[in-house]
Amino acid sequence: MNFKQDGMRTGQVLRSLEAMITGGKFDAETIIVDGYDFGLAAPEDLDRFKEFAGRMNVSIWFSASLKETGGEMFGPDGTPVLLAPHAGRIDVLITLEAKTDAVEIRVVKDHDHPPAGVLPIRLDPRTLLIAQEK
C-alpha cells in the first residue's frame, strides 16, 4: 500500500491496513512504514500506531531519513534529535551511519535492554548488503 503522509490522516491509514488484514485475510506480522516524516508526526499519531500494533498483533517498523539542519543531528545517547519527542513511544531504535567505506549499524534502544551500540557488521554503502564483520 502506498500513502502520502501529508495527504492522509493516521486513522485512515490504520483503517485501510486493518481492512486488508482482517477483511482481505492478509496475515501480516510486520508492517514497514518507509520514509515516515517524524517532523510532521504528532505524538498521538505514534500512540495510534502503537495501539494498532498491539491490537492487531503486528510489529511496525518505521524508516526515516535525517536531513542536515545545521544543528546537532543526534543527542548524547545516539537518539536522533528529530525523534527525541517520540523516544518513549519507540521500542527499538537502530541508526545507520555512512562512513567512507561502509555503513555502520548502531542499536540505540532495544526495549528495556541496554543498547548494543555499534554492531560488528558493516554494510556495503552502494548495496547495503553485509560487506564484512569487524
N, C-alpha and C. Protein backbone atom coordinates (compact mmCIF):
# COMPACT_ATOMS: atom_id res chain seq x y z
N MET A 1 0.85 -1.17 0.00
CA MET A 1 0.00 0.00 0.00
C MET A 1 0.89 1.23 0.00
N ASN A 2 0.42 2.28 -0.61
CA ASN A 2 1.21 3.50 -0.71
C ASN A 2 0.34 4.68 -0.27
N PHE A 3 0.82 5.42 0.73
CA PHE A 3 0.09 6.58 1.24
C PHE A 3 1.04 7.76 1.30
N LYS A 4 0.54 8.94 1.02
CA LYS A 4 1.31 10.17 1.24
C LYS A 4 0.94 10.69 2.61
N GLN A 5 1.96 10.89 3.44
CA GLN A 5 1.72 11.28 4.82
C GLN A 5 0.98 12.61 4.93
N ASP A 6 1.29 13.55 4.05
CA ASP A 6 0.64 14.85 4.15
C ASP A 6 -0.77 14.85 3.55
N GLY A 7 -1.16 13.77 2.89
CA GLY A 7 -2.47 13.72 2.26
C GLY A 7 -3.46 12.78 2.93
N MET A 8 -3.01 12.06 3.96
CA MET A 8 -3.89 11.08 4.58
C MET A 8 -3.65 11.06 6.08
N ARG A 9 -4.70 11.03 6.83
CA ARG A 9 -4.60 11.01 8.28
C ARG A 9 -4.25 9.60 8.77
N THR A 10 -3.61 9.55 9.94
CA THR A 10 -3.19 8.28 10.52
C THR A 10 -4.37 7.32 10.67
N GLY A 11 -5.50 7.81 11.12
CA GLY A 11 -6.67 6.95 11.29
C GLY A 11 -7.11 6.29 10.00
N GLN A 12 -7.05 7.03 8.89
CA GLN A 12 -7.42 6.48 7.59
C GLN A 12 -6.47 5.36 7.18
N VAL A 13 -5.18 5.59 7.40
CA VAL A 13 -4.17 4.59 7.06
C VAL A 13 -4.41 3.33 7.88
N LEU A 14 -4.62 3.49 9.18
CA LEU A 14 -4.81 2.32 10.04
C LEU A 14 -6.10 1.57 9.70
N ARG A 15 -7.15 2.28 9.36
CA ARG A 15 -8.39 1.60 8.95
C ARG A 15 -8.17 0.80 7.67
N SER A 16 -7.42 1.36 6.73
CA SER A 16 -7.12 0.64 5.48
C SER A 16 -6.29 -0.61 5.76
N LEU A 17 -5.29 -0.47 6.63
CA LEU A 17 -4.47 -1.63 6.99
C LEU A 17 -5.30 -2.70 7.69
N GLU A 18 -6.15 -2.28 8.61
CA GLU A 18 -6.98 -3.24 9.33
C GLU A 18 -7.93 -3.96 8.37
N ALA A 19 -8.50 -3.24 7.43
CA ALA A 19 -9.39 -3.87 6.45
C ALA A 19 -8.63 -4.90 5.61
N MET A 20 -7.39 -4.58 5.24
CA MET A 20 -6.60 -5.53 4.46
C MET A 20 -6.26 -6.77 5.28
N ILE A 21 -5.91 -6.56 6.54
CA ILE A 21 -5.50 -7.68 7.39
C ILE A 21 -6.69 -8.57 7.75
N THR A 22 -7.79 -7.96 8.17
CA THR A 22 -8.93 -8.76 8.62
C THR A 22 -9.84 -9.15 7.46
N GLY A 23 -10.28 -8.20 6.67
CA GLY A 23 -11.20 -8.49 5.58
C GLY A 23 -10.53 -9.14 4.38
N GLY A 24 -9.28 -8.78 4.14
CA GLY A 24 -8.55 -9.32 3.00
C GLY A 24 -7.79 -10.58 3.33
N LYS A 25 -7.91 -11.03 4.56
CA LYS A 25 -7.23 -12.26 5.01
C LYS A 25 -5.72 -12.19 4.72
N PHE A 26 -5.15 -11.01 4.94
CA PHE A 26 -3.71 -10.80 4.75
C PHE A 26 -3.04 -10.98 6.10
N ASP A 27 -2.36 -12.10 6.29
CA ASP A 27 -1.79 -12.47 7.58
C ASP A 27 -0.47 -11.73 7.81
N ALA A 28 -0.56 -10.46 8.15
CA ALA A 28 0.63 -9.63 8.35
C ALA A 28 1.24 -9.88 9.73
N GLU A 29 2.55 -9.92 9.78
CA GLU A 29 3.29 -9.97 11.05
C GLU A 29 4.03 -8.67 11.28
N THR A 30 4.48 -8.05 10.19
CA THR A 30 5.26 -6.82 10.26
C THR A 30 4.75 -5.84 9.20
N ILE A 31 4.63 -4.59 9.60
CA ILE A 31 4.26 -3.52 8.68
C ILE A 31 5.43 -2.55 8.66
N ILE A 32 5.92 -2.23 7.47
CA ILE A 32 7.05 -1.31 7.33
C ILE A 32 6.53 0.00 6.76
N VAL A 33 6.75 1.07 7.49
CA VAL A 33 6.36 2.41 7.06
C VAL A 33 7.65 3.10 6.62
N ASP A 34 7.83 3.21 5.31
CA ASP A 34 9.08 3.71 4.75
C ASP A 34 8.98 5.21 4.49
N GLY A 35 10.01 5.94 4.91
CA GLY A 35 10.07 7.37 4.64
C GLY A 35 9.16 8.22 5.50
N TYR A 36 8.87 7.75 6.70
CA TYR A 36 7.98 8.48 7.60
C TYR A 36 8.64 9.79 8.03
N ASP A 37 7.91 10.88 7.98
CA ASP A 37 8.44 12.19 8.38
C ASP A 37 8.03 12.46 9.82
N PHE A 38 8.95 12.20 10.74
CA PHE A 38 8.65 12.38 12.16
C PHE A 38 8.46 13.86 12.51
N GLY A 39 8.96 14.75 11.65
CA GLY A 39 8.74 16.18 11.86
C GLY A 39 7.28 16.57 11.69
N LEU A 40 6.54 15.82 10.90
CA LEU A 40 5.11 16.07 10.69
C LEU A 40 4.24 15.29 11.68
N ALA A 41 4.84 14.33 12.36
CA ALA A 41 4.06 13.43 13.23
C ALA A 41 3.74 14.07 14.57
N ALA A 42 2.50 13.95 14.97
CA ALA A 42 2.09 14.34 16.32
C ALA A 42 2.29 13.13 17.22
N PRO A 43 2.57 13.35 18.51
CA PRO A 43 2.73 12.21 19.42
C PRO A 43 1.55 11.25 19.37
N GLU A 44 0.34 11.79 19.17
CA GLU A 44 -0.85 10.94 19.13
C GLU A 44 -0.81 9.99 17.93
N ASP A 45 -0.17 10.40 16.84
CA ASP A 45 -0.07 9.52 15.67
C ASP A 45 0.69 8.25 16.03
N LEU A 46 1.82 8.42 16.72
CA LEU A 46 2.60 7.24 17.09
C LEU A 46 1.87 6.41 18.14
N ASP A 47 1.14 7.07 19.04
CA ASP A 47 0.32 6.33 20.00
C ASP A 47 -0.69 5.45 19.27
N ARG A 48 -1.28 5.99 18.22
CA ARG A 48 -2.28 5.23 17.46
C ARG A 48 -1.64 4.05 16.73
N PHE A 49 -0.45 4.26 16.15
CA PHE A 49 0.25 3.16 15.51
C PHE A 49 0.58 2.07 16.53
N LYS A 50 1.04 2.49 17.70
CA LYS A 50 1.43 1.52 18.74
C LYS A 50 0.21 0.73 19.23
N GLU A 51 -0.90 1.42 19.45
CA GLU A 51 -2.13 0.74 19.88
C GLU A 51 -2.59 -0.24 18.81
N PHE A 52 -2.53 0.18 17.55
CA PHE A 52 -2.92 -0.67 16.43
C PHE A 52 -2.05 -1.93 16.39
N ALA A 53 -0.74 -1.75 16.55
CA ALA A 53 0.18 -2.89 16.51
C ALA A 53 -0.17 -3.90 17.60
N GLY A 54 -0.44 -3.42 18.81
CA GLY A 54 -0.81 -4.33 19.89
C GLY A 54 -2.12 -5.04 19.62
N ARG A 55 -3.10 -4.30 19.15
CA ARG A 55 -4.43 -4.87 18.89
C ARG A 55 -4.40 -5.88 17.75
N MET A 56 -3.60 -5.60 16.71
CA MET A 56 -3.54 -6.48 15.54
C MET A 56 -2.43 -7.52 15.65
N ASN A 57 -1.65 -7.46 16.73
CA ASN A 57 -0.55 -8.40 16.96
C ASN A 57 0.47 -8.37 15.80
N VAL A 58 0.89 -7.16 15.45
CA VAL A 58 1.90 -6.97 14.41
C VAL A 58 3.01 -6.07 14.96
N SER A 59 4.16 -6.13 14.33
CA SER A 59 5.24 -5.18 14.60
C SER A 59 5.17 -4.11 13.53
N ILE A 60 5.47 -2.88 13.91
CA ILE A 60 5.52 -1.80 12.93
C ILE A 60 6.92 -1.21 12.95
N TRP A 61 7.54 -1.19 11.79
CA TRP A 61 8.87 -0.61 11.62
C TRP A 61 8.72 0.67 10.81
N PHE A 62 9.43 1.71 11.24
CA PHE A 62 9.46 2.97 10.51
C PHE A 62 10.87 3.20 10.00
N SER A 63 11.00 3.73 8.80
CA SER A 63 12.29 4.21 8.33
C SER A 63 12.16 5.71 8.10
N ALA A 64 13.22 6.41 8.38
CA ALA A 64 13.21 7.86 8.20
C ALA A 64 14.61 8.31 7.83
N SER A 65 14.70 9.26 6.93
CA SER A 65 15.99 9.84 6.56
C SER A 65 16.14 11.15 7.30
N LEU A 66 17.32 11.35 7.88
CA LEU A 66 17.60 12.60 8.58
C LEU A 66 18.18 13.59 7.59
N LYS A 67 17.76 14.82 7.70
CA LYS A 67 18.26 15.87 6.82
C LYS A 67 19.15 16.81 7.62
N GLU A 68 20.22 17.26 6.99
CA GLU A 68 21.12 18.22 7.63
C GLU A 68 20.35 19.50 7.94
N THR A 69 20.46 19.97 9.17
CA THR A 69 19.76 21.19 9.56
C THR A 69 20.72 22.27 10.04
N GLY A 70 21.99 21.94 10.08
CA GLY A 70 22.97 22.89 10.59
C GLY A 70 23.21 22.72 12.08
N GLY A 71 22.32 22.02 12.76
CA GLY A 71 22.47 21.77 14.19
C GLY A 71 22.86 20.32 14.44
N GLU A 72 22.84 19.96 15.70
CA GLU A 72 23.16 18.58 16.07
C GLU A 72 22.08 17.65 15.54
N MET A 73 22.50 16.52 14.99
CA MET A 73 21.54 15.54 14.48
C MET A 73 21.22 14.48 15.53
N PHE A 74 22.17 14.24 16.45
CA PHE A 74 22.00 13.18 17.44
C PHE A 74 22.20 13.73 18.84
N GLY A 75 21.42 13.21 19.78
CA GLY A 75 21.60 13.56 21.18
C GLY A 75 22.74 12.76 21.77
N PRO A 76 23.06 12.98 23.05
CA PRO A 76 24.19 12.30 23.68
C PRO A 76 24.05 10.78 23.72
N ASP A 77 22.81 10.28 23.74
CA ASP A 77 22.61 8.83 23.78
C ASP A 77 22.53 8.20 22.39
N GLY A 78 22.69 9.01 21.34
CA GLY A 78 22.63 8.50 19.97
C GLY A 78 21.27 8.59 19.33
N THR A 79 20.26 9.04 20.08
CA THR A 79 18.92 9.21 19.51
C THR A 79 18.90 10.42 18.59
N PRO A 80 18.39 10.27 17.37
CA PRO A 80 18.26 11.44 16.51
C PRO A 80 17.41 12.51 17.20
N VAL A 81 17.86 13.76 17.14
CA VAL A 81 17.16 14.87 17.79
C VAL A 81 15.70 14.94 17.33
N LEU A 82 15.47 14.67 16.05
CA LEU A 82 14.12 14.68 15.50
C LEU A 82 13.19 13.70 16.21
N LEU A 83 13.75 12.60 16.73
CA LEU A 83 12.93 11.57 17.38
C LEU A 83 12.80 11.77 18.89
N ALA A 84 13.53 12.73 19.45
CA ALA A 84 13.52 12.93 20.90
C ALA A 84 12.11 13.07 21.47
N PRO A 85 11.20 13.82 20.84
CA PRO A 85 9.85 13.93 21.41
C PRO A 85 9.07 12.61 21.40
N HIS A 86 9.52 11.67 20.60
CA HIS A 86 8.81 10.39 20.46
C HIS A 86 9.55 9.23 21.13
N ALA A 87 10.67 9.50 21.79
CA ALA A 87 11.53 8.43 22.31
C ALA A 87 10.79 7.44 23.19
N GLY A 88 9.88 7.90 24.02
CA GLY A 88 9.14 6.99 24.90
C GLY A 88 8.17 6.09 24.17
N ARG A 89 7.88 6.39 22.93
CA ARG A 89 6.94 5.60 22.13
C ARG A 89 7.65 4.59 21.25
N ILE A 90 8.96 4.64 21.22
CA ILE A 90 9.76 3.77 20.34
C ILE A 90 10.34 2.64 21.18
N ASP A 91 10.13 1.40 20.72
CA ASP A 91 10.65 0.24 21.45
C ASP A 91 12.07 -0.12 21.03
N VAL A 92 12.34 -0.06 19.73
CA VAL A 92 13.66 -0.40 19.20
C VAL A 92 14.06 0.71 18.24
N LEU A 93 15.29 1.20 18.38
CA LEU A 93 15.79 2.26 17.50
C LEU A 93 17.16 1.86 16.99
N ILE A 94 17.26 1.78 15.67
CA ILE A 94 18.51 1.43 15.01
C ILE A 94 18.86 2.57 14.06
N THR A 95 20.11 3.00 14.07
CA THR A 95 20.54 4.03 13.13
C THR A 95 21.61 3.46 12.21
N LEU A 96 21.65 3.99 11.00
CA LEU A 96 22.70 3.65 10.04
C LEU A 96 23.54 4.89 9.85
N GLU A 97 24.86 4.72 9.90
CA GLU A 97 25.76 5.86 9.72
C GLU A 97 26.75 5.56 8.61
N ALA A 98 26.76 6.41 7.61
CA ALA A 98 27.67 6.23 6.48
C ALA A 98 29.08 6.63 6.89
N LYS A 99 30.01 5.74 6.68
CA LYS A 99 31.44 6.01 6.83
C LYS A 99 32.03 6.05 5.42
N THR A 100 33.32 6.30 5.29
CA THR A 100 33.89 6.42 3.95
C THR A 100 33.80 5.12 3.15
N ASP A 101 33.96 3.98 3.81
CA ASP A 101 33.99 2.72 3.07
C ASP A 101 32.88 1.74 3.45
N ALA A 102 32.02 2.12 4.38
CA ALA A 102 30.98 1.19 4.84
C ALA A 102 29.89 1.97 5.57
N VAL A 103 28.83 1.25 5.91
CA VAL A 103 27.74 1.81 6.71
C VAL A 103 27.70 1.04 8.02
N GLU A 104 27.76 1.77 9.13
CA GLU A 104 27.69 1.13 10.44
C GLU A 104 26.25 1.09 10.93
N ILE A 105 25.93 0.02 11.65
CA ILE A 105 24.61 -0.14 12.25
C ILE A 105 24.77 0.02 13.76
N ARG A 106 23.97 0.90 14.34
CA ARG A 106 24.04 1.15 15.78
C ARG A 106 22.66 0.90 16.40
N VAL A 107 22.63 0.08 17.45
CA VAL A 107 21.40 -0.12 18.21
C VAL A 107 21.40 0.92 19.32
N VAL A 108 20.47 1.87 19.23
CA VAL A 108 20.38 2.96 20.20
C VAL A 108 19.43 2.58 21.33
N LYS A 109 18.37 1.83 20.99
CA LYS A 109 17.39 1.42 22.00
C LYS A 109 16.88 0.04 21.65
N ASP A 110 16.78 -0.84 22.66
CA ASP A 110 16.28 -2.19 22.47
C ASP A 110 15.35 -2.53 23.62
N HIS A 111 14.11 -2.11 23.51
CA HIS A 111 13.11 -2.30 24.56
C HIS A 111 13.69 -1.78 25.87
N ASP A 112 13.76 -2.62 26.89
CA ASP A 112 14.31 -2.20 28.18
C ASP A 112 15.72 -2.74 28.40
N HIS A 113 16.32 -3.32 27.36
CA HIS A 113 17.67 -3.87 27.46
C HIS A 113 18.70 -2.77 27.20
N PRO A 114 19.91 -2.92 27.76
CA PRO A 114 20.95 -1.94 27.43
C PRO A 114 21.23 -1.97 25.93
N PRO A 115 21.39 -0.81 25.29
CA PRO A 115 21.63 -0.81 23.84
C PRO A 115 22.97 -1.44 23.50
N ALA A 116 23.02 -2.13 22.37
CA ALA A 116 24.22 -2.85 21.95
C ALA A 116 25.29 -1.93 21.37
N GLY A 117 24.93 -0.72 20.99
CA GLY A 117 25.90 0.18 20.36
C GLY A 117 26.14 -0.24 18.92
N VAL A 118 27.35 0.02 18.42
CA VAL A 118 27.69 -0.31 17.04
C VAL A 118 27.80 -1.83 16.91
N LEU A 119 27.07 -2.39 15.95
CA LEU A 119 27.11 -3.84 15.73
C LEU A 119 28.37 -4.22 14.96
N PRO A 120 28.81 -5.46 15.09
CA PRO A 120 30.04 -5.88 14.42
C PRO A 120 29.86 -6.19 12.93
N ILE A 121 28.79 -5.70 12.35
CA ILE A 121 28.52 -5.91 10.92
C ILE A 121 28.60 -4.56 10.22
N ARG A 122 29.24 -4.55 9.06
CA ARG A 122 29.31 -3.34 8.25
C ARG A 122 28.64 -3.62 6.91
N LEU A 123 27.94 -2.62 6.39
CA LEU A 123 27.22 -2.78 5.13
C LEU A 123 27.96 -2.08 4.00
N ASP A 124 27.86 -2.65 2.81
CA ASP A 124 28.41 -2.01 1.62
C ASP A 124 27.58 -0.74 1.35
N PRO A 125 28.22 0.42 1.20
CA PRO A 125 27.46 1.67 1.04
C PRO A 125 26.66 1.75 -0.26
N ARG A 126 27.01 0.98 -1.27
CA ARG A 126 26.26 1.02 -2.53
C ARG A 126 25.05 0.09 -2.51
N THR A 127 25.18 -1.09 -1.90
CA THR A 127 24.11 -2.09 -1.98
C THR A 127 23.39 -2.32 -0.65
N LEU A 128 24.00 -1.89 0.44
CA LEU A 128 23.53 -2.14 1.80
C LEU A 128 23.50 -3.63 2.14
N LEU A 129 24.23 -4.43 1.38
CA LEU A 129 24.42 -5.83 1.73
C LEU A 129 25.54 -5.92 2.75
N ILE A 130 25.56 -7.01 3.51
CA ILE A 130 26.63 -7.18 4.51
C ILE A 130 27.96 -7.27 3.77
N ALA A 131 28.88 -6.38 4.14
CA ALA A 131 30.18 -6.32 3.49
C ALA A 131 31.24 -7.05 4.29
N GLN A 132 31.17 -6.92 5.61
CA GLN A 132 32.18 -7.54 6.46
C GLN A 132 31.73 -7.52 7.90
N GLU A 133 32.36 -8.38 8.67
CA GLU A 133 32.16 -8.35 10.11
C GLU A 133 33.45 -7.85 10.72
N LYS A 134 33.32 -7.05 11.76
CA LYS A 134 34.52 -6.50 12.42
C LYS A 134 35.27 -7.59 13.12
